[in-house]
């Protein structure tokens, strides 16, 4: 079974970083990149979280901005064993995933699973209407990168912080 999610463009590049705050300051000072919108992913923002098919609890500080038209996500794992800690243990810090925006994540996940991909980690409910869903697929060992499927929420919560203020 073939899946078509790679026919969609890469909308996001995700980096695992040691310290979100220092990285966003550096990107702003050296490249003028901002506004960075900062969130803590985990409860209560995420309504569900799973890792290798089992419910988990974790916290990650993330910052979102753009390099041109490409969304950039900086991720600092705060607590819990996650796909991010797996990446750090294996590679150190750096580019961890390429994100693909999809309209219907349930349909796209079914296509991906039918093609032989499983979900390593996922979560959702981060929109104001408890919508929004992301799923990291087990693609790193074959393709050298993890693909993340993202269904954006219709409305987002206000960020905890914005840099620069």
N, C-alpha and C. Protein backbone atom coordinates (compact mmCIF):
# COMPACT_ATOMS: atom_id res chain seq x y z
N UNK A 1 0.85 -1.19 0.00
CA UNK A 1 0.00 0.00 0.00
C UNK A 1 0.89 1.24 0.00
N UNK A 2 0.59 2.16 -0.87
CA UNK A 2 1.34 3.41 -0.93
C UNK A 2 0.61 4.48 -0.14
N UNK A 3 1.40 5.34 0.47
CA UNK A 3 0.84 6.50 1.15
C UNK A 3 1.30 7.75 0.42
N UNK A 4 0.53 8.80 0.49
CA UNK A 4 0.83 9.99 -0.29
C UNK A 4 1.24 11.19 0.56
N UNK A 5 1.48 11.01 1.86
CA UNK A 5 1.75 12.19 2.68
C UNK A 5 3.01 12.93 2.26
N UNK A 6 3.97 12.27 1.62
CA UNK A 6 5.16 12.99 1.17
C UNK A 6 4.90 13.83 -0.08
N UNK A 7 3.73 13.65 -0.69
CA UNK A 7 3.35 14.54 -1.79
C UNK A 7 3.03 15.95 -1.29
N UNK A 8 2.72 16.04 -0.01
CA UNK A 8 2.50 17.34 0.61
C UNK A 8 3.87 17.93 0.90
N UNK A 9 3.98 19.22 1.00
CA UNK A 9 5.30 19.79 1.23
C UNK A 9 5.69 19.69 2.71
N UNK A 10 6.98 19.75 2.94
CA UNK A 10 7.49 19.80 4.31
C UNK A 10 7.15 21.19 4.84
N UNK A 11 6.39 21.24 5.91
CA UNK A 11 5.96 22.52 6.46
C UNK A 11 6.73 22.93 7.69
N UNK A 12 7.43 21.98 8.30
CA UNK A 12 8.09 22.28 9.57
C UNK A 12 9.40 21.51 9.68
N UNK A 13 10.38 22.15 10.28
CA UNK A 13 11.64 21.48 10.66
C UNK A 13 11.72 21.55 12.17
N UNK A 14 11.89 20.39 12.79
CA UNK A 14 11.95 20.31 14.25
C UNK A 14 13.35 20.02 14.73
N UNK A 15 13.83 20.86 15.64
CA UNK A 15 15.15 20.71 16.25
C UNK A 15 14.99 20.37 17.73
N UNK A 16 15.75 19.41 18.20
CA UNK A 16 15.85 19.16 19.63
C UNK A 16 17.04 19.97 20.13
N UNK A 17 16.80 20.80 21.14
CA UNK A 17 17.83 21.70 21.65
C UNK A 17 17.98 21.54 23.16
N UNK A 18 19.13 21.95 23.65
CA UNK A 18 19.39 21.85 25.09
C UNK A 18 18.66 22.93 25.87
N UNK A 19 18.60 24.15 25.30
CA UNK A 19 18.01 25.28 26.02
C UNK A 19 17.29 26.19 25.03
N UNK A 20 15.97 26.11 25.01
CA UNK A 20 15.16 26.90 24.08
C UNK A 20 15.46 28.38 24.22
N UNK A 21 15.52 28.90 25.43
CA UNK A 21 15.68 30.34 25.64
C UNK A 21 16.98 30.87 25.03
N UNK A 22 18.08 30.16 25.23
CA UNK A 22 19.35 30.66 24.67
C UNK A 22 19.36 30.57 23.14
N UNK A 23 18.75 29.53 22.59
CA UNK A 23 18.72 29.37 21.13
C UNK A 23 17.88 30.46 20.48
N UNK A 24 16.70 30.76 21.04
CA UNK A 24 15.86 31.78 20.41
C UNK A 24 16.50 33.16 20.51
N UNK A 25 17.18 33.42 21.62
CA UNK A 25 17.92 34.70 21.72
C UNK A 25 18.99 34.78 20.65
N UNK A 26 19.71 33.68 20.45
CA UNK A 26 20.78 33.65 19.45
C UNK A 26 20.23 33.83 18.03
N UNK A 27 19.15 33.11 17.70
CA UNK A 27 18.55 33.28 16.38
C UNK A 27 18.07 34.71 16.16
N UNK A 28 17.55 35.33 17.19
CA UNK A 28 17.07 36.70 17.06
C UNK A 28 18.23 37.68 16.89
N UNK A 29 19.27 37.53 17.74
CA UNK A 29 20.41 38.45 17.69
C UNK A 29 21.21 38.31 16.40
N UNK A 30 21.38 37.09 15.90
CA UNK A 30 22.23 36.88 14.71
C UNK A 30 21.48 36.97 13.39
N UNK A 31 20.20 36.58 13.39
CA UNK A 31 19.46 36.50 12.13
C UNK A 31 18.19 37.36 12.12
N UNK A 32 17.81 37.93 13.27
CA UNK A 32 16.58 38.70 13.35
C UNK A 32 15.33 37.84 13.31
N UNK A 33 15.46 36.55 13.61
CA UNK A 33 14.30 35.66 13.55
C UNK A 33 13.51 35.73 14.84
N UNK A 34 12.26 36.05 14.69
CA UNK A 34 11.28 36.16 15.77
C UNK A 34 10.01 36.64 15.12
N UNK A 35 8.98 36.66 15.69
CA UNK A 35 8.57 36.39 17.04
C UNK A 35 8.54 34.89 17.28
N UNK A 36 9.14 34.49 18.38
CA UNK A 36 9.08 33.11 18.82
C UNK A 36 7.91 32.98 19.77
N UNK A 37 7.04 32.02 19.52
CA UNK A 37 5.91 31.73 20.40
C UNK A 37 6.28 30.49 21.21
N UNK A 38 6.20 30.61 22.53
CA UNK A 38 6.71 29.58 23.42
C UNK A 38 5.55 28.92 24.17
N UNK A 39 5.57 27.60 24.20
CA UNK A 39 4.55 26.79 24.87
C UNK A 39 5.23 25.70 25.68
N UNK A 40 4.53 25.16 26.67
CA UNK A 40 4.95 23.93 27.34
C UNK A 40 3.98 22.85 26.90
N UNK A 41 4.50 21.87 26.16
CA UNK A 41 3.68 20.74 25.75
C UNK A 41 3.73 19.69 26.85
N UNK A 42 2.59 19.16 27.14
CA UNK A 42 2.36 18.23 28.24
C UNK A 42 1.01 18.61 28.83
N UNK A 43 0.63 17.94 29.91
CA UNK A 43 -0.63 18.31 30.58
C UNK A 43 -0.44 19.68 31.24
N UNK A 44 -1.41 20.54 31.24
CA UNK A 44 -2.78 20.34 30.77
C UNK A 44 -2.99 20.73 29.30
N UNK A 45 -1.98 21.28 28.62
CA UNK A 45 -2.18 21.72 27.24
C UNK A 45 -2.52 20.54 26.33
N UNK A 46 -1.77 19.46 26.43
CA UNK A 46 -2.07 18.27 25.63
C UNK A 46 -3.09 17.43 26.39
N UNK A 47 -4.12 17.04 25.69
CA UNK A 47 -5.19 16.24 26.31
C UNK A 47 -4.87 14.76 26.26
N UNK A 48 -4.00 14.34 25.32
CA UNK A 48 -3.54 12.96 25.30
C UNK A 48 -2.11 12.93 24.77
N UNK A 49 -1.34 11.96 25.28
CA UNK A 49 0.05 11.76 24.90
C UNK A 49 0.31 10.26 24.90
N UNK A 50 1.03 9.78 23.89
CA UNK A 50 1.40 8.37 23.90
C UNK A 50 2.81 8.20 23.34
N UNK A 51 3.42 7.12 23.75
CA UNK A 51 4.78 6.80 23.36
C UNK A 51 4.83 5.28 23.19
N UNK A 52 5.14 4.81 21.99
CA UNK A 52 5.12 3.39 21.66
C UNK A 52 3.79 2.75 22.04
N UNK A 53 2.70 3.46 21.75
CA UNK A 53 1.36 2.93 21.95
C UNK A 53 0.82 2.96 23.36
N UNK A 54 1.58 3.52 24.30
CA UNK A 54 1.13 3.56 25.69
C UNK A 54 1.00 5.01 26.15
N UNK A 55 -0.01 5.29 26.98
CA UNK A 55 -0.16 6.65 27.51
C UNK A 55 1.07 7.04 28.33
N UNK A 56 1.49 8.29 28.19
CA UNK A 56 2.63 8.80 28.95
C UNK A 56 2.31 10.20 29.46
N UNK A 57 3.17 10.67 30.32
CA UNK A 57 3.18 12.06 30.75
C UNK A 57 4.59 12.58 30.49
N UNK A 58 4.68 13.72 29.87
CA UNK A 58 5.98 14.35 29.65
C UNK A 58 5.77 15.84 29.57
N UNK A 59 6.86 16.57 29.61
CA UNK A 59 6.83 18.02 29.40
C UNK A 59 7.97 18.40 28.48
N UNK A 60 7.65 19.26 27.52
CA UNK A 60 8.66 19.78 26.62
C UNK A 60 8.36 21.26 26.40
N UNK A 61 9.39 22.06 26.44
CA UNK A 61 9.26 23.50 26.16
C UNK A 61 9.54 23.65 24.67
N UNK A 62 8.59 24.25 23.95
CA UNK A 62 8.79 24.42 22.52
C UNK A 62 8.67 25.89 22.15
N UNK A 63 9.38 26.25 21.10
CA UNK A 63 9.32 27.61 20.55
C UNK A 63 9.07 27.47 19.06
N UNK A 64 8.14 28.27 18.56
CA UNK A 64 7.76 28.22 17.14
C UNK A 64 8.01 29.56 16.48
N UNK A 65 8.62 29.53 15.31
CA UNK A 65 8.80 30.72 14.49
C UNK A 65 8.97 30.26 13.05
N UNK A 66 9.50 31.12 12.20
CA UNK A 66 9.66 30.79 10.78
C UNK A 66 11.04 31.16 10.29
N UNK A 67 11.59 30.30 9.43
CA UNK A 67 12.73 30.63 8.58
C UNK A 67 12.10 30.83 7.21
N UNK A 68 11.87 32.07 6.81
CA UNK A 68 11.12 32.34 5.58
C UNK A 68 9.70 31.83 5.74
N UNK A 69 9.29 30.91 4.85
CA UNK A 69 7.94 30.34 4.92
C UNK A 69 7.90 29.02 5.68
N UNK A 70 9.05 28.54 6.12
CA UNK A 70 9.12 27.24 6.79
C UNK A 70 9.00 27.42 8.30
N UNK A 71 8.07 26.71 8.90
CA UNK A 71 7.87 26.75 10.35
C UNK A 71 9.02 26.02 11.02
N UNK A 72 9.56 26.63 12.04
CA UNK A 72 10.64 26.03 12.83
C UNK A 72 10.11 25.74 14.23
N UNK A 73 10.41 24.55 14.72
CA UNK A 73 10.02 24.16 16.07
C UNK A 73 11.29 23.78 16.82
N UNK A 74 11.56 24.49 17.90
CA UNK A 74 12.66 24.15 18.79
C UNK A 74 12.06 23.43 19.99
N UNK A 75 12.63 22.29 20.37
CA UNK A 75 12.06 21.45 21.41
C UNK A 75 13.11 21.17 22.48
N UNK A 76 12.77 21.51 23.71
CA UNK A 76 13.62 21.20 24.85
C UNK A 76 12.85 20.22 25.73
N UNK A 77 13.30 18.98 25.80
CA UNK A 77 12.63 17.99 26.66
C UNK A 77 12.87 18.39 28.12
N UNK A 78 11.82 18.49 28.89
CA UNK A 78 11.94 18.88 30.30
C UNK A 78 11.85 17.66 31.20
N UNK A 79 10.87 16.79 30.93
CA UNK A 79 10.75 15.58 31.75
C UNK A 79 10.07 14.48 30.97
N UNK A 80 10.43 13.25 31.29
CA UNK A 80 9.83 12.09 30.67
C UNK A 80 10.68 11.51 29.56
N UNK A 81 10.53 10.20 29.34
CA UNK A 81 11.19 9.51 28.23
C UNK A 81 10.33 9.71 26.99
N UNK A 82 10.92 10.28 25.95
CA UNK A 82 10.18 10.64 24.75
C UNK A 82 11.01 10.34 23.51
N UNK A 83 10.43 10.60 22.37
CA UNK A 83 11.17 10.51 21.12
C UNK A 83 12.33 11.51 21.12
N UNK A 84 12.17 12.62 21.86
CA UNK A 84 13.23 13.63 21.94
C UNK A 84 14.42 13.11 22.75
N UNK A 85 14.16 12.45 23.87
CA UNK A 85 15.28 11.90 24.66
C UNK A 85 15.94 10.75 23.90
N UNK A 86 15.15 9.99 23.14
CA UNK A 86 15.74 8.93 22.30
C UNK A 86 16.72 9.56 21.31
N UNK A 87 16.31 10.66 20.69
CA UNK A 87 17.15 11.33 19.71
C UNK A 87 18.44 11.86 20.36
N UNK A 88 18.30 12.49 21.51
CA UNK A 88 19.48 13.03 22.22
C UNK A 88 20.45 11.91 22.55
N UNK A 89 19.94 10.79 23.06
CA UNK A 89 20.80 9.67 23.42
C UNK A 89 21.53 9.11 22.20
N UNK A 90 20.87 9.10 21.05
CA UNK A 90 21.45 8.51 19.85
C UNK A 90 22.32 9.49 19.06
N UNK A 91 21.89 10.78 18.99
CA UNK A 91 22.55 11.73 18.09
C UNK A 91 23.07 13.00 18.76
N UNK A 92 22.64 13.28 19.97
CA UNK A 92 22.89 14.60 20.53
C UNK A 92 21.78 15.53 20.10
N UNK A 93 22.07 16.81 20.01
CA UNK A 93 21.06 17.80 19.65
C UNK A 93 21.13 18.09 18.15
N UNK A 94 19.99 18.51 17.57
CA UNK A 94 19.98 18.86 16.16
C UNK A 94 18.63 18.63 15.53
N UNK A 95 18.61 18.55 14.19
CA UNK A 95 17.37 18.35 13.45
C UNK A 95 16.84 16.95 13.75
N UNK A 96 15.65 16.90 14.31
CA UNK A 96 15.06 15.64 14.73
C UNK A 96 13.93 15.18 13.81
N UNK A 97 13.17 16.12 13.25
CA UNK A 97 12.05 15.69 12.40
C UNK A 97 11.73 16.71 11.32
N UNK A 98 11.02 16.21 10.31
CA UNK A 98 10.41 17.04 9.29
C UNK A 98 8.91 16.88 9.46
N UNK A 99 8.21 18.01 9.60
CA UNK A 99 6.77 17.98 9.83
C UNK A 99 5.98 18.22 8.56
N UNK A 100 4.92 17.45 8.40
CA UNK A 100 4.04 17.54 7.24
C UNK A 100 2.64 17.85 7.74
N UNK A 101 2.08 18.97 7.26
CA UNK A 101 0.73 19.36 7.67
C UNK A 101 -0.29 18.59 6.84
N UNK A 102 -1.24 17.98 7.53
CA UNK A 102 -2.28 17.19 6.87
C UNK A 102 -3.65 17.71 7.29
N UNK A 103 -4.63 17.51 6.42
CA UNK A 103 -5.99 17.94 6.71
C UNK A 103 -6.73 16.96 7.61
N UNK A 104 -6.47 15.68 7.43
CA UNK A 104 -7.19 14.63 8.17
C UNK A 104 -6.18 13.64 8.70
N UNK A 105 -5.75 13.82 9.93
CA UNK A 105 -4.67 12.99 10.46
C UNK A 105 -5.11 11.54 10.63
N UNK A 106 -6.35 11.29 10.97
CA UNK A 106 -6.80 9.90 11.12
C UNK A 106 -6.68 9.15 9.80
N UNK A 107 -7.11 9.78 8.72
CA UNK A 107 -7.01 9.16 7.39
C UNK A 107 -5.55 8.96 7.00
N UNK A 108 -4.72 9.99 7.24
CA UNK A 108 -3.31 9.90 6.87
C UNK A 108 -2.58 8.85 7.71
N UNK A 109 -2.91 8.76 9.00
CA UNK A 109 -2.30 7.73 9.85
C UNK A 109 -2.69 6.33 9.37
N UNK A 110 -3.91 6.17 8.95
CA UNK A 110 -4.35 4.86 8.42
C UNK A 110 -3.53 4.51 7.18
N UNK A 111 -3.34 5.49 6.28
CA UNK A 111 -2.52 5.26 5.09
C UNK A 111 -1.08 4.89 5.49
N UNK A 112 -0.53 5.63 6.44
CA UNK A 112 0.85 5.37 6.88
C UNK A 112 0.96 3.98 7.51
N UNK A 113 0.01 3.62 8.35
CA UNK A 113 0.03 2.30 8.99
C UNK A 113 -0.13 1.19 7.95
N UNK A 114 -1.01 1.41 6.97
CA UNK A 114 -1.17 0.41 5.90
C UNK A 114 0.11 0.24 5.09
N UNK A 115 0.93 1.29 5.03
CA UNK A 115 2.21 1.23 4.32
C UNK A 115 3.33 0.68 5.20
N UNK A 116 3.02 0.35 6.44
CA UNK A 116 4.00 -0.28 7.32
C UNK A 116 4.65 0.63 8.34
N UNK A 117 4.19 1.86 8.47
CA UNK A 117 4.76 2.78 9.46
C UNK A 117 3.93 2.77 10.73
N UNK A 118 4.60 2.71 11.86
CA UNK A 118 3.89 2.82 13.14
C UNK A 118 4.18 4.18 13.75
N UNK A 119 3.39 4.54 14.75
CA UNK A 119 3.56 5.80 15.45
C UNK A 119 4.46 5.56 16.65
N UNK A 120 5.55 6.32 16.73
CA UNK A 120 6.45 6.22 17.87
C UNK A 120 5.89 7.04 19.03
N UNK A 121 5.46 8.27 18.73
CA UNK A 121 4.93 9.14 19.77
C UNK A 121 3.89 10.06 19.15
N UNK A 122 2.86 10.36 19.92
CA UNK A 122 1.83 11.27 19.44
C UNK A 122 1.18 12.00 20.58
N UNK A 123 0.37 12.96 20.20
CA UNK A 123 -0.37 13.72 21.20
C UNK A 123 -1.36 14.62 20.53
N UNK A 124 -2.21 15.22 21.35
CA UNK A 124 -3.18 16.11 20.75
C UNK A 124 -4.05 16.81 21.75
N UNK A 125 -4.98 17.58 21.18
CA UNK A 125 -5.90 18.35 21.99
C UNK A 125 -5.35 19.70 22.40
N UNK A 126 -4.34 20.21 21.68
CA UNK A 126 -3.69 21.46 22.09
C UNK A 126 -4.37 22.70 21.53
N UNK A 127 -5.45 22.54 20.80
CA UNK A 127 -6.20 23.68 20.29
C UNK A 127 -7.24 24.14 21.30
N UNK A 128 -7.76 25.33 21.09
CA UNK A 128 -8.80 25.86 21.97
C UNK A 128 -10.04 24.98 22.01
N UNK A 129 -10.28 24.23 20.94
CA UNK A 129 -11.44 23.34 20.86
C UNK A 129 -11.04 21.88 21.08
N UNK A 130 -9.91 21.67 21.75
CA UNK A 130 -9.35 20.34 22.01
C UNK A 130 -9.02 19.59 20.73
N UNK A 131 -8.80 20.33 19.63
CA UNK A 131 -8.37 19.71 18.38
C UNK A 131 -6.86 19.88 18.26
N UNK A 132 -6.33 19.54 17.12
CA UNK A 132 -4.87 19.55 16.94
C UNK A 132 -4.31 18.20 17.34
N UNK A 133 -3.48 17.64 16.47
CA UNK A 133 -2.96 16.29 16.70
C UNK A 133 -1.63 16.17 15.97
N UNK A 134 -0.67 15.52 16.60
CA UNK A 134 0.61 15.24 15.95
C UNK A 134 0.98 13.79 16.18
N UNK A 135 1.73 13.23 15.23
CA UNK A 135 2.17 11.84 15.34
C UNK A 135 3.52 11.70 14.65
N UNK A 136 4.51 11.21 15.40
CA UNK A 136 5.84 10.94 14.85
C UNK A 136 5.87 9.49 14.37
N UNK A 137 6.24 9.32 13.12
CA UNK A 137 6.29 7.97 12.54
C UNK A 137 7.67 7.35 12.69
N UNK A 138 7.74 6.04 12.64
CA UNK A 138 8.99 5.29 12.81
C UNK A 138 9.77 5.23 11.50
N UNK A 139 10.20 6.37 11.01
CA UNK A 139 10.88 6.43 9.72
C UNK A 139 12.38 6.66 9.81
N UNK A 140 12.89 6.95 10.99
CA UNK A 140 14.31 7.32 11.10
C UNK A 140 15.26 6.21 10.65
N UNK A 141 15.01 4.98 11.04
CA UNK A 141 15.96 3.91 10.71
C UNK A 141 16.03 3.65 9.21
N UNK A 142 14.96 3.92 8.48
CA UNK A 142 14.94 3.68 7.04
C UNK A 142 15.39 4.91 6.25
N UNK A 143 14.88 6.09 6.63
CA UNK A 143 15.10 7.30 5.84
C UNK A 143 16.06 8.30 6.48
N UNK A 144 16.53 8.01 7.68
CA UNK A 144 17.50 8.90 8.34
C UNK A 144 16.88 10.10 9.00
N UNK A 145 15.55 10.20 9.00
CA UNK A 145 14.85 11.32 9.61
C UNK A 145 13.47 10.82 10.06
N UNK A 146 12.95 11.43 11.09
CA UNK A 146 11.59 11.12 11.53
C UNK A 146 10.63 12.07 10.83
N UNK A 147 9.55 11.51 10.30
CA UNK A 147 8.48 12.34 9.73
C UNK A 147 7.39 12.50 10.78
N UNK A 148 6.92 13.73 10.93
CA UNK A 148 5.83 14.02 11.85
C UNK A 148 4.63 14.45 11.03
N UNK A 149 3.49 13.85 11.29
CA UNK A 149 2.24 14.28 10.70
C UNK A 149 1.57 15.24 11.68
N UNK A 150 1.09 16.37 11.17
CA UNK A 150 0.53 17.41 12.02
C UNK A 150 -0.81 17.87 11.46
N UNK A 151 -1.84 17.75 12.27
CA UNK A 151 -3.11 18.39 11.94
C UNK A 151 -3.24 19.58 12.87
N UNK A 152 -3.12 20.76 12.30
CA UNK A 152 -3.15 21.98 13.10
C UNK A 152 -4.54 22.20 13.71
N UNK A 153 -4.58 22.79 14.90
CA UNK A 153 -5.89 23.14 15.46
C UNK A 153 -6.47 24.34 14.71
N UNK A 154 -7.78 24.46 14.76
CA UNK A 154 -8.41 25.62 14.12
C UNK A 154 -8.07 26.91 14.85
N UNK A 155 -7.99 26.82 16.18
CA UNK A 155 -7.63 27.99 17.00
C UNK A 155 -6.62 27.53 18.06
N UNK A 156 -5.57 28.32 18.24
CA UNK A 156 -4.52 27.98 19.22
C UNK A 156 -4.70 28.76 20.51
N UNK A 157 -4.19 28.20 21.58
CA UNK A 157 -4.07 28.94 22.84
C UNK A 157 -3.04 30.05 22.65
N UNK A 158 -3.16 31.09 23.43
CA UNK A 158 -2.14 32.13 23.44
C UNK A 158 -0.84 31.52 23.97
N UNK A 159 0.30 31.90 23.43
CA UNK A 159 1.56 31.35 23.94
C UNK A 159 1.83 31.83 25.36
N UNK A 160 2.65 31.06 26.07
CA UNK A 160 3.06 31.43 27.42
C UNK A 160 3.95 32.67 27.38
N UNK A 161 4.72 32.75 26.33
CA UNK A 161 5.64 33.88 26.16
C UNK A 161 5.89 34.07 24.67
N UNK A 162 6.36 35.27 24.34
CA UNK A 162 6.77 35.60 22.98
C UNK A 162 8.12 36.27 23.08
N UNK A 163 9.05 35.90 22.18
CA UNK A 163 10.37 36.54 22.16
C UNK A 163 10.65 37.04 20.77
N UNK A 164 11.07 38.30 20.61
CA UNK A 164 11.23 39.27 21.68
C UNK A 164 9.86 39.78 22.15
N UNK A 165 9.86 40.29 23.36
CA UNK A 165 8.58 40.77 23.94
C UNK A 165 8.06 41.95 23.18
